[in-house]
C-alpha cells in the first residue's frame, strides 16, 4: 500500500473541489485516504480481498459523486466515511451477513505467539469482535480513522452527545472484554 500523505481537512476539502476536474487531484485524495478507508473495511470484514474490493468500490463511488460534495456541508473525511459505511452496509445486505455477535465469534482470530505485539493485537481484535456493532463502529471511526466527534456523528447519523455517550460506553465495554480475555490468557 502506498505511504499515505498527510493533509489537514481544509486542504483536503480544496483538493476535493479541484478533483472534480483534475484526475491528479483525485490521485492525491486516494493516497491520503486509502489506508484509512481500507482499514475501515478490513476491520469489519476480516478478509483482505473483500476489503480491497470494498475499498475500490468506495473510491469509485467517491469519484462518481464528487460533484455532489459541497464544501460547506461537512468535512470531506466524514463524507468519505459516510460513503464507506453505506458501501459496507450494501455489501452486508447483499451477502446476507448481519454482523451479529455469533457470526463474528465464528470467524475467530488467528493466534500468533511470535511476538507480544501480535498477541496484544489479537486480544484487541477479539475484544472488539465481542462488542455491539455501534460500539465497534464508534471506536473505529474515532480512533482508527481519526475522525472528530462531529465527523463521527455525521457518519453514524447521531448527535455529537449521542456519539460521546456511545464512545464512553464502548470504551467501558472494551475494557471489560479485555479484562475477560486477560483472565482467560492467565488460566
N, C-alpha and C. Protein backbone atom coordinates (compact mmCIF):
# COMPACT_ATOMS: atom_id res chain seq x y z
N UNK A 1 0.85 -1.18 0.00
CA UNK A 1 0.00 0.00 0.00
C UNK A 1 0.89 1.23 0.00
N UNK A 2 0.58 2.26 -0.82
CA UNK A 2 1.41 3.45 -0.84
C UNK A 2 1.35 4.18 0.50
N UNK A 3 2.45 4.84 0.83
CA UNK A 3 2.50 5.60 2.08
C UNK A 3 1.53 6.78 1.98
N UNK A 4 0.64 6.93 2.99
CA UNK A 4 -0.36 7.99 2.93
C UNK A 4 0.27 9.37 3.09
N UNK A 5 -0.27 10.32 2.37
CA UNK A 5 0.15 11.71 2.53
C UNK A 5 -0.56 12.26 3.75
N UNK A 6 -0.08 13.35 4.25
CA UNK A 6 -0.72 13.97 5.39
C UNK A 6 -1.25 15.34 4.97
N UNK A 7 -2.55 15.50 5.01
CA UNK A 7 -3.17 16.77 4.66
C UNK A 7 -4.19 17.12 5.73
N UNK A 8 -4.27 18.39 6.07
CA UNK A 8 -5.32 18.77 7.02
C UNK A 8 -6.66 18.81 6.28
N UNK A 9 -7.71 18.89 7.04
CA UNK A 9 -9.06 18.79 6.47
C UNK A 9 -9.35 19.92 5.48
N UNK A 10 -8.86 21.11 5.76
CA UNK A 10 -9.11 22.25 4.87
C UNK A 10 -8.46 22.03 3.50
N UNK A 11 -7.22 21.55 3.50
CA UNK A 11 -6.53 21.27 2.23
C UNK A 11 -7.23 20.12 1.49
N UNK A 12 -7.71 19.16 2.25
CA UNK A 12 -8.42 18.03 1.66
C UNK A 12 -9.71 18.51 0.98
N UNK A 13 -10.42 19.42 1.61
CA UNK A 13 -11.64 19.98 1.02
C UNK A 13 -11.32 20.68 -0.30
N UNK A 14 -10.29 21.51 -0.29
CA UNK A 14 -9.91 22.22 -1.53
C UNK A 14 -9.51 21.23 -2.61
N UNK A 15 -8.79 20.20 -2.23
CA UNK A 15 -8.37 19.18 -3.18
C UNK A 15 -9.59 18.44 -3.74
N UNK A 16 -10.58 18.20 -2.90
CA UNK A 16 -11.80 17.51 -3.35
C UNK A 16 -12.54 18.34 -4.39
N UNK A 17 -12.60 19.63 -4.16
CA UNK A 17 -13.27 20.50 -5.13
C UNK A 17 -12.49 20.55 -6.44
N UNK A 18 -11.17 20.56 -6.33
CA UNK A 18 -10.32 20.58 -7.52
C UNK A 18 -10.41 19.24 -8.28
N UNK A 19 -10.60 18.15 -7.54
CA UNK A 19 -10.61 16.81 -8.13
C UNK A 19 -11.80 16.57 -9.05
N UNK A 20 -12.78 17.44 -8.97
CA UNK A 20 -13.93 17.31 -9.88
C UNK A 20 -13.50 17.35 -11.34
N UNK A 21 -12.42 18.08 -11.61
CA UNK A 21 -11.96 18.23 -12.99
C UNK A 21 -10.53 17.75 -13.19
N UNK A 22 -9.84 17.45 -12.12
CA UNK A 22 -8.42 17.13 -12.20
C UNK A 22 -8.14 15.74 -11.63
N UNK A 23 -7.76 14.80 -12.50
CA UNK A 23 -7.51 13.42 -12.06
C UNK A 23 -6.32 13.33 -11.10
N UNK A 24 -5.34 14.21 -11.26
CA UNK A 24 -4.18 14.19 -10.37
C UNK A 24 -4.59 14.56 -8.95
N UNK A 25 -5.53 15.47 -8.83
CA UNK A 25 -6.01 15.86 -7.50
C UNK A 25 -6.72 14.68 -6.84
N UNK A 26 -7.49 13.92 -7.63
CA UNK A 26 -8.16 12.75 -7.07
C UNK A 26 -7.13 11.70 -6.66
N UNK A 27 -6.05 11.56 -7.42
CA UNK A 27 -4.99 10.61 -7.06
C UNK A 27 -4.39 10.97 -5.71
N UNK A 28 -4.25 12.26 -5.41
CA UNK A 28 -3.74 12.69 -4.11
C UNK A 28 -4.73 12.33 -3.00
N UNK A 29 -6.01 12.54 -3.26
CA UNK A 29 -7.03 12.17 -2.28
C UNK A 29 -6.94 10.67 -1.99
N UNK A 30 -6.79 9.91 -3.05
CA UNK A 30 -6.68 8.45 -2.92
C UNK A 30 -5.50 8.09 -2.03
N UNK A 31 -4.34 8.72 -2.26
CA UNK A 31 -3.14 8.42 -1.46
C UNK A 31 -3.34 8.80 0.01
N UNK A 32 -4.04 9.89 0.25
CA UNK A 32 -4.25 10.37 1.61
C UNK A 32 -5.21 9.45 2.38
N UNK A 33 -6.26 8.99 1.74
CA UNK A 33 -7.33 8.28 2.44
C UNK A 33 -7.32 6.76 2.27
N UNK A 34 -6.52 6.25 1.37
CA UNK A 34 -6.53 4.82 1.06
C UNK A 34 -6.37 3.94 2.30
N UNK A 35 -5.36 4.20 3.09
CA UNK A 35 -5.07 3.35 4.24
C UNK A 35 -6.21 3.36 5.27
N UNK A 36 -6.78 4.52 5.51
CA UNK A 36 -7.87 4.62 6.49
C UNK A 36 -9.14 3.94 5.98
N UNK A 37 -9.46 4.13 4.71
CA UNK A 37 -10.67 3.51 4.15
C UNK A 37 -10.49 1.99 4.09
N UNK A 38 -9.33 1.54 3.62
CA UNK A 38 -9.06 0.10 3.58
C UNK A 38 -9.14 -0.48 5.00
N UNK A 39 -8.54 0.21 5.96
CA UNK A 39 -8.57 -0.25 7.35
C UNK A 39 -9.98 -0.37 7.88
N UNK A 40 -10.82 0.60 7.52
CA UNK A 40 -12.22 0.56 7.94
C UNK A 40 -12.87 -0.74 7.46
N UNK A 41 -12.68 -1.07 6.19
CA UNK A 41 -13.29 -2.28 5.65
C UNK A 41 -12.63 -3.54 6.22
N UNK A 42 -11.31 -3.52 6.32
CA UNK A 42 -10.62 -4.72 6.80
C UNK A 42 -11.04 -5.08 8.23
N UNK A 43 -11.12 -4.07 9.09
CA UNK A 43 -11.51 -4.35 10.47
C UNK A 43 -12.95 -4.85 10.56
N UNK A 44 -13.72 -4.60 9.56
CA UNK A 44 -15.12 -5.04 9.58
C UNK A 44 -15.31 -6.41 8.95
N UNK A 45 -14.63 -6.70 7.84
CA UNK A 45 -14.87 -7.97 7.14
C UNK A 45 -13.79 -9.01 7.37
N UNK A 46 -12.62 -8.60 7.85
CA UNK A 46 -11.51 -9.50 8.18
C UNK A 46 -11.03 -10.36 7.01
N UNK A 47 -11.25 -9.89 5.80
CA UNK A 47 -10.77 -10.61 4.62
C UNK A 47 -10.10 -9.61 3.70
N UNK A 48 -8.82 -9.84 3.43
CA UNK A 48 -8.02 -8.89 2.66
C UNK A 48 -8.65 -8.58 1.30
N UNK A 49 -9.00 -9.62 0.55
CA UNK A 49 -9.53 -9.43 -0.80
C UNK A 49 -10.86 -8.68 -0.78
N UNK A 50 -11.72 -9.04 0.16
CA UNK A 50 -13.01 -8.36 0.27
C UNK A 50 -12.82 -6.91 0.65
N UNK A 51 -11.91 -6.65 1.59
CA UNK A 51 -11.62 -5.27 2.00
C UNK A 51 -11.07 -4.46 0.81
N UNK A 52 -10.22 -5.09 0.01
CA UNK A 52 -9.68 -4.40 -1.17
C UNK A 52 -10.79 -4.09 -2.17
N UNK A 53 -11.68 -5.05 -2.39
CA UNK A 53 -12.80 -4.84 -3.32
C UNK A 53 -13.71 -3.72 -2.83
N UNK A 54 -14.02 -3.74 -1.54
CA UNK A 54 -14.89 -2.70 -0.99
C UNK A 54 -14.22 -1.33 -1.05
N UNK A 55 -12.92 -1.30 -0.82
CA UNK A 55 -12.17 -0.03 -0.91
C UNK A 55 -12.23 0.50 -2.34
N UNK A 56 -12.03 -0.37 -3.29
CA UNK A 56 -12.09 0.03 -4.70
C UNK A 56 -13.48 0.56 -5.04
N UNK A 57 -14.51 -0.16 -4.61
CA UNK A 57 -15.88 0.27 -4.88
C UNK A 57 -16.17 1.62 -4.23
N UNK A 58 -15.69 1.79 -3.01
CA UNK A 58 -15.90 3.05 -2.29
C UNK A 58 -15.25 4.22 -3.03
N UNK A 59 -14.00 4.06 -3.47
CA UNK A 59 -13.33 5.15 -4.18
C UNK A 59 -13.99 5.43 -5.53
N UNK A 60 -14.53 4.39 -6.14
CA UNK A 60 -15.28 4.62 -7.38
C UNK A 60 -16.51 5.48 -7.10
N UNK A 61 -17.22 5.17 -6.01
CA UNK A 61 -18.40 5.97 -5.63
C UNK A 61 -18.01 7.40 -5.27
N UNK A 62 -16.87 7.56 -4.61
CA UNK A 62 -16.39 8.90 -4.26
C UNK A 62 -16.15 9.70 -5.54
N UNK A 63 -15.43 9.10 -6.47
CA UNK A 63 -15.14 9.77 -7.74
C UNK A 63 -16.43 10.11 -8.49
N UNK A 64 -17.31 9.16 -8.54
CA UNK A 64 -18.58 9.34 -9.26
C UNK A 64 -19.44 10.45 -8.63
N UNK A 65 -19.36 10.61 -7.31
CA UNK A 65 -20.22 11.56 -6.61
C UNK A 65 -19.53 12.84 -6.15
N UNK A 66 -18.31 13.07 -6.61
CA UNK A 66 -17.58 14.27 -6.18
C UNK A 66 -18.35 15.56 -6.44
N UNK A 67 -19.08 15.59 -7.52
CA UNK A 67 -19.85 16.80 -7.85
C UNK A 67 -20.92 17.09 -6.80
N UNK A 68 -21.33 16.07 -6.06
CA UNK A 68 -22.35 16.25 -5.02
C UNK A 68 -21.77 16.77 -3.70
N UNK A 69 -20.46 16.63 -3.56
CA UNK A 69 -19.84 17.08 -2.32
C UNK A 69 -19.84 18.61 -2.27
N UNK A 70 -20.34 19.12 -1.19
CA UNK A 70 -20.37 20.57 -1.00
C UNK A 70 -19.46 20.93 0.16
N UNK A 71 -18.56 21.83 -0.09
CA UNK A 71 -17.56 22.24 0.90
C UNK A 71 -18.19 22.68 2.22
N UNK A 72 -19.31 23.36 2.18
CA UNK A 72 -19.91 23.92 3.39
C UNK A 72 -20.60 22.88 4.26
N UNK A 73 -21.08 21.80 3.68
CA UNK A 73 -21.91 20.84 4.42
C UNK A 73 -21.18 20.13 5.54
N UNK A 74 -20.11 19.46 5.24
CA UNK A 74 -19.45 18.56 6.18
C UNK A 74 -18.00 18.38 5.75
N UNK A 75 -17.18 17.90 6.67
CA UNK A 75 -15.78 17.66 6.30
C UNK A 75 -15.73 16.59 5.21
N UNK A 76 -14.71 16.65 4.41
CA UNK A 76 -14.56 15.69 3.33
C UNK A 76 -14.37 14.28 3.89
N UNK A 77 -13.60 14.15 4.96
CA UNK A 77 -13.38 12.82 5.56
C UNK A 77 -14.69 12.20 6.03
N UNK A 78 -15.53 13.00 6.67
CA UNK A 78 -16.83 12.48 7.12
C UNK A 78 -17.67 12.05 5.93
N UNK A 79 -17.63 12.82 4.86
CA UNK A 79 -18.38 12.49 3.65
C UNK A 79 -17.87 11.16 3.08
N UNK A 80 -16.55 10.98 3.05
CA UNK A 80 -15.95 9.75 2.53
C UNK A 80 -16.37 8.55 3.38
N UNK A 81 -16.31 8.71 4.71
CA UNK A 81 -16.67 7.58 5.57
C UNK A 81 -18.16 7.30 5.58
N UNK A 82 -18.96 8.27 5.23
CA UNK A 82 -20.39 8.01 5.05
C UNK A 82 -20.57 7.10 3.84
N UNK A 83 -19.85 7.39 2.78
CA UNK A 83 -19.90 6.54 1.58
C UNK A 83 -19.36 5.14 1.92
N UNK A 84 -18.27 5.09 2.68
CA UNK A 84 -17.70 3.79 3.06
C UNK A 84 -18.70 2.98 3.89
N UNK A 85 -19.34 3.65 4.81
CA UNK A 85 -20.33 2.96 5.66
C UNK A 85 -21.48 2.40 4.82
N UNK A 86 -21.97 3.19 3.88
CA UNK A 86 -23.06 2.73 3.02
C UNK A 86 -22.59 1.58 2.11
N UNK A 87 -21.35 1.65 1.66
CA UNK A 87 -20.80 0.58 0.84
C UNK A 87 -20.75 -0.72 1.65
N UNK A 88 -20.33 -0.63 2.89
CA UNK A 88 -20.28 -1.80 3.76
C UNK A 88 -21.67 -2.35 4.03
N UNK A 89 -22.61 -1.48 4.32
CA UNK A 89 -23.99 -1.92 4.57
C UNK A 89 -24.55 -2.63 3.34
N UNK A 90 -24.32 -2.07 2.16
CA UNK A 90 -24.77 -2.72 0.92
C UNK A 90 -24.16 -4.11 0.77
N UNK A 91 -22.86 -4.20 1.06
CA UNK A 91 -22.17 -5.48 0.97
C UNK A 91 -22.78 -6.50 1.94
N UNK A 92 -22.99 -6.08 3.18
CA UNK A 92 -23.53 -6.99 4.19
C UNK A 92 -24.95 -7.43 3.83
N UNK A 93 -25.73 -6.53 3.30
CA UNK A 93 -27.09 -6.90 2.86
C UNK A 93 -27.03 -7.90 1.72
N UNK A 94 -26.15 -7.60 0.75
CA UNK A 94 -26.03 -8.47 -0.41
C UNK A 94 -25.61 -9.88 0.01
N UNK A 95 -24.72 -9.99 0.92
CA UNK A 95 -24.22 -11.29 1.37
C UNK A 95 -25.08 -11.89 2.49
N UNK A 96 -26.10 -11.13 2.91
CA UNK A 96 -26.97 -11.56 3.99
C UNK A 96 -26.18 -11.90 5.24
N UNK A 97 -25.09 -11.14 5.43
CA UNK A 97 -24.26 -11.34 6.61
C UNK A 97 -24.50 -10.20 7.58
N UNK A 98 -25.41 -10.42 8.49
CA UNK A 98 -25.58 -9.43 9.53
C UNK A 98 -24.37 -9.57 10.44
N UNK A 99 -23.77 -8.47 10.77
CA UNK A 99 -22.56 -8.51 11.60
C UNK A 99 -22.93 -8.77 13.05
N UNK A 100 -23.55 -9.93 13.27
CA UNK A 100 -24.02 -10.29 14.61
C UNK A 100 -22.87 -10.83 15.44
N UNK A 101 -23.07 -10.88 16.69
CA UNK A 101 -22.06 -11.38 17.61
C UNK A 101 -21.70 -12.82 17.27
N UNK A 102 -22.69 -13.65 16.93
CA UNK A 102 -22.43 -15.05 16.63
C UNK A 102 -21.55 -15.21 15.39
N UNK A 103 -21.84 -14.45 14.33
CA UNK A 103 -21.04 -14.52 13.11
C UNK A 103 -19.61 -14.11 13.39
N UNK A 104 -19.45 -13.03 14.16
CA UNK A 104 -18.12 -12.55 14.49
C UNK A 104 -17.34 -13.59 15.29
N UNK A 105 -18.00 -14.25 16.24
CA UNK A 105 -17.31 -15.27 17.06
C UNK A 105 -16.88 -16.46 16.22
N UNK A 106 -17.71 -16.84 15.25
CA UNK A 106 -17.37 -17.99 14.41
C UNK A 106 -16.12 -17.73 13.58
N UNK A 107 -15.93 -16.49 13.18
CA UNK A 107 -14.74 -16.15 12.37
C UNK A 107 -13.47 -16.30 13.18
N UNK A 108 -13.53 -15.89 14.43
CA UNK A 108 -12.40 -16.05 15.33
C UNK A 108 -11.15 -15.32 14.88
N UNK A 109 -10.23 -15.19 15.77
CA UNK A 109 -8.96 -14.52 15.46
C UNK A 109 -7.83 -15.53 15.46
N UNK A 110 -6.88 -15.37 14.58
CA UNK A 110 -5.73 -16.25 14.50
C UNK A 110 -4.75 -15.89 15.59
N UNK A 111 -4.40 -16.84 16.43
CA UNK A 111 -3.43 -16.60 17.49
C UNK A 111 -2.04 -16.81 16.94
N UNK A 112 -1.17 -15.90 17.24
CA UNK A 112 0.19 -15.99 16.77
C UNK A 112 1.09 -15.54 17.91
N UNK A 113 1.84 -16.47 18.48
CA UNK A 113 2.65 -16.17 19.66
C UNK A 113 4.06 -15.69 19.31
N UNK A 114 4.31 -15.27 18.09
CA UNK A 114 5.65 -14.84 17.69
C UNK A 114 6.11 -13.61 18.44
N UNK A 115 5.19 -12.72 18.75
CA UNK A 115 5.61 -11.52 19.48
C UNK A 115 4.47 -11.03 20.35
N UNK A 116 4.84 -10.27 21.36
CA UNK A 116 3.85 -9.71 22.28
C UNK A 116 2.90 -8.76 21.55
N UNK A 117 3.42 -8.03 20.58
CA UNK A 117 2.62 -7.07 19.83
C UNK A 117 1.50 -7.78 19.07
N UNK A 118 1.81 -8.90 18.46
CA UNK A 118 0.81 -9.66 17.71
C UNK A 118 -0.25 -10.21 18.66
N UNK A 119 0.18 -10.70 19.82
CA UNK A 119 -0.75 -11.22 20.81
C UNK A 119 -1.68 -10.11 21.28
N UNK A 120 -1.10 -8.92 21.59
CA UNK A 120 -1.91 -7.78 22.03
C UNK A 120 -2.91 -7.38 20.96
N UNK A 121 -2.48 -7.37 19.71
CA UNK A 121 -3.38 -7.02 18.61
C UNK A 121 -4.52 -8.02 18.50
N UNK A 122 -4.18 -9.30 18.64
CA UNK A 122 -5.23 -10.34 18.58
C UNK A 122 -6.20 -10.20 19.73
N UNK A 123 -5.69 -9.90 20.93
CA UNK A 123 -6.57 -9.69 22.07
C UNK A 123 -7.52 -8.52 21.82
N UNK A 124 -6.98 -7.44 21.26
CA UNK A 124 -7.80 -6.28 20.94
C UNK A 124 -8.86 -6.63 19.90
N UNK A 125 -8.45 -7.32 18.83
CA UNK A 125 -9.40 -7.70 17.79
C UNK A 125 -10.50 -8.60 18.34
N UNK A 126 -10.12 -9.56 19.18
CA UNK A 126 -11.12 -10.46 19.79
C UNK A 126 -12.08 -9.68 20.68
N UNK A 127 -11.53 -8.77 21.45
CA UNK A 127 -12.38 -7.96 22.34
C UNK A 127 -13.33 -7.10 21.51
N UNK A 128 -12.82 -6.48 20.44
CA UNK A 128 -13.66 -5.65 19.57
C UNK A 128 -14.76 -6.49 18.93
N UNK A 129 -14.43 -7.71 18.55
CA UNK A 129 -15.40 -8.60 17.91
C UNK A 129 -16.60 -8.88 18.82
N UNK A 130 -16.35 -8.86 20.12
CA UNK A 130 -17.41 -9.17 21.08
C UNK A 130 -18.26 -7.96 21.45
N UNK A 131 -17.93 -6.80 20.93
CA UNK A 131 -18.70 -5.60 21.22
C UNK A 131 -19.89 -5.49 20.28
N UNK A 132 -20.87 -4.69 20.71
CA UNK A 132 -22.01 -4.40 19.83
C UNK A 132 -21.52 -3.66 18.59
N UNK A 133 -22.26 -3.79 17.52
CA UNK A 133 -21.91 -3.17 16.24
C UNK A 133 -21.65 -1.67 16.37
N UNK A 134 -22.53 -0.93 17.04
CA UNK A 134 -22.35 0.52 17.20
C UNK A 134 -21.09 0.84 17.98
N UNK A 135 -20.76 0.03 18.97
CA UNK A 135 -19.55 0.25 19.76
C UNK A 135 -18.31 0.10 18.88
N UNK A 136 -18.28 -0.98 18.09
CA UNK A 136 -17.13 -1.20 17.20
C UNK A 136 -16.99 -0.04 16.23
N UNK A 137 -18.11 0.37 15.68
CA UNK A 137 -18.07 1.43 14.68
C UNK A 137 -17.57 2.76 15.26
N UNK A 138 -18.08 3.15 16.42
CA UNK A 138 -17.66 4.42 17.00
C UNK A 138 -16.18 4.38 17.36
N UNK A 139 -15.71 3.25 17.89
CA UNK A 139 -14.29 3.14 18.24
C UNK A 139 -13.41 3.19 17.00
N UNK A 140 -13.84 2.50 15.95
CA UNK A 140 -13.03 2.53 14.73
C UNK A 140 -12.99 3.95 14.15
N UNK A 141 -14.12 4.59 13.99
CA UNK A 141 -14.16 5.92 13.39
C UNK A 141 -13.38 6.94 14.21
N UNK A 142 -13.49 6.87 15.52
CA UNK A 142 -12.82 7.86 16.38
C UNK A 142 -11.32 7.60 16.49
N UNK A 143 -10.91 6.34 16.66
CA UNK A 143 -9.52 6.07 17.00
C UNK A 143 -8.68 5.49 15.86
N UNK A 144 -9.28 4.78 14.94
CA UNK A 144 -8.53 4.24 13.82
C UNK A 144 -8.60 5.17 12.61
N UNK A 145 -9.80 5.65 12.30
CA UNK A 145 -9.96 6.57 11.18
C UNK A 145 -9.67 8.01 11.60
N UNK A 146 -9.59 8.25 12.91
CA UNK A 146 -9.21 9.55 13.46
C UNK A 146 -10.19 10.66 13.10
N UNK A 147 -11.48 10.34 13.08
CA UNK A 147 -12.49 11.35 12.80
C UNK A 147 -12.83 12.10 14.09
N UNK A 148 -13.22 13.35 13.96
CA UNK A 148 -13.64 14.14 15.12
C UNK A 148 -15.01 13.66 15.58
N UNK A 149 -15.45 14.16 16.74
CA UNK A 149 -16.79 13.82 17.22
C UNK A 149 -17.85 14.23 16.21
N UNK A 150 -17.71 15.44 15.69
CA UNK A 150 -18.67 15.97 14.73
C UNK A 150 -18.73 15.09 13.47
N UNK A 151 -17.56 14.72 12.96
CA UNK A 151 -17.50 13.88 11.76
C UNK A 151 -18.08 12.50 12.02
N UNK A 152 -17.75 11.94 13.18
CA UNK A 152 -18.28 10.62 13.55
C UNK A 152 -19.80 10.67 13.67
N UNK A 153 -20.30 11.74 14.28
CA UNK A 153 -21.75 11.90 14.42
C UNK A 153 -22.41 11.95 13.05
N UNK A 154 -21.81 12.67 12.13
CA UNK A 154 -22.34 12.78 10.78
C UNK A 154 -22.39 11.41 10.09
N UNK A 155 -21.28 10.66 10.19
CA UNK A 155 -21.21 9.34 9.55
C UNK A 155 -22.23 8.39 10.15
N UNK A 156 -22.37 8.42 11.48
CA UNK A 156 -23.26 7.48 12.16
C UNK A 156 -24.70 7.97 12.24
N UNK A 157 -24.94 9.19 11.76
CA UNK A 157 -26.27 9.79 11.79
C UNK A 157 -26.80 9.87 13.22
N UNK A 158 -25.95 10.40 14.10
CA UNK A 158 -26.29 10.59 15.51
C UNK A 158 -25.87 11.99 15.92
N UNK A 159 -26.33 12.44 17.07
CA UNK A 159 -25.88 13.74 17.59
C UNK A 159 -24.49 13.57 18.19
N UNK A 160 -23.78 14.69 18.36
CA UNK A 160 -22.46 14.62 18.97
C UNK A 160 -22.54 14.06 20.39
N UNK A 161 -23.57 14.47 21.14
CA UNK A 161 -23.72 13.96 22.51
C UNK A 161 -23.98 12.46 22.51
N UNK A 162 -24.75 11.99 21.55
CA UNK A 162 -25.02 10.54 21.45
C UNK A 162 -23.72 9.79 21.14
N UNK A 163 -22.87 10.38 20.30
CA UNK A 163 -21.58 9.76 19.97
C UNK A 163 -20.67 9.75 21.19
N UNK A 164 -20.66 10.85 21.96
CA UNK A 164 -19.85 10.89 23.19
C UNK A 164 -20.27 9.78 24.14
N UNK A 165 -21.57 9.64 24.33
CA UNK A 165 -22.09 8.61 25.22
C UNK A 165 -21.77 7.22 24.69
N UNK A 166 -21.98 7.04 23.41
CA UNK A 166 -21.69 5.75 22.78
C UNK A 166 -20.20 5.41 22.91
N UNK A 167 -19.34 6.40 22.70
CA UNK A 167 -17.90 6.20 22.81
C UNK A 167 -17.54 5.83 24.26
N UNK A 168 -18.11 6.53 25.22
CA UNK A 168 -17.85 6.23 26.63
C UNK A 168 -18.24 4.78 26.94
N UNK A 169 -19.43 4.40 26.51
CA UNK A 169 -19.92 3.04 26.78
C UNK A 169 -19.08 2.01 26.03
N UNK A 170 -18.67 2.34 24.82
CA UNK A 170 -17.86 1.41 24.02
C UNK A 170 -16.50 1.18 24.69
N UNK A 171 -15.89 2.24 25.18
CA UNK A 171 -14.59 2.10 25.84
C UNK A 171 -14.74 1.26 27.12
N UNK A 172 -15.80 1.51 27.85
CA UNK A 172 -16.07 0.76 29.08
C UNK A 172 -16.27 -0.73 28.74
N UNK A 173 -17.06 -1.01 27.69
CA UNK A 173 -17.31 -2.40 27.28
C UNK A 173 -16.03 -3.05 26.77
N UNK A 174 -15.21 -2.29 26.03
CA UNK A 174 -13.95 -2.82 25.52
C UNK A 174 -13.02 -3.16 26.67
N UNK A 175 -12.95 -2.29 27.65
CA UNK A 175 -12.11 -2.55 28.83
C UNK A 175 -12.56 -3.84 29.52
N UNK A 176 -13.85 -4.01 29.66
CA UNK A 176 -14.40 -5.21 30.29
C UNK A 176 -14.04 -6.47 29.49
N UNK A 177 -14.16 -6.38 28.17
CA UNK A 177 -13.81 -7.52 27.30
C UNK A 177 -12.32 -7.84 27.39
N UNK A 178 -11.50 -6.82 27.42
CA UNK A 178 -10.05 -7.04 27.51
C UNK A 178 -9.69 -7.68 28.85
N UNK A 179 -10.37 -7.27 29.91
CA UNK A 179 -10.14 -7.88 31.22
C UNK A 179 -10.55 -9.35 31.21
N UNK A 180 -11.66 -9.66 30.53
CA UNK A 180 -12.11 -11.06 30.42
C UNK A 180 -11.06 -11.88 29.65
N UNK A 181 -10.60 -11.31 28.52
CA UNK A 181 -9.58 -12.01 27.71
C UNK A 181 -8.29 -12.20 28.49
N UNK A 182 -7.92 -11.20 29.27
CA UNK A 182 -6.72 -11.27 30.07
C UNK A 182 -6.84 -12.40 31.10
N UNK A 183 -8.02 -12.53 31.68
CA UNK A 183 -8.28 -13.61 32.63
C UNK A 183 -8.18 -14.97 31.98
N UNK A 184 -8.69 -15.09 30.75
CA UNK A 184 -8.61 -16.37 30.01
C UNK A 184 -7.17 -16.70 29.67
N UNK A 185 -6.37 -15.69 29.32
CA UNK A 185 -4.97 -15.91 28.96
C UNK A 185 -4.18 -16.45 30.16
N UNK A 186 -4.52 -15.96 31.36
CA UNK A 186 -3.78 -16.38 32.57
C UNK A 186 -4.17 -17.78 33.00
N UNK A 187 -5.41 -18.24 32.67
CA UNK A 187 -5.84 -19.56 33.12
C UNK A 187 -5.25 -20.66 32.32
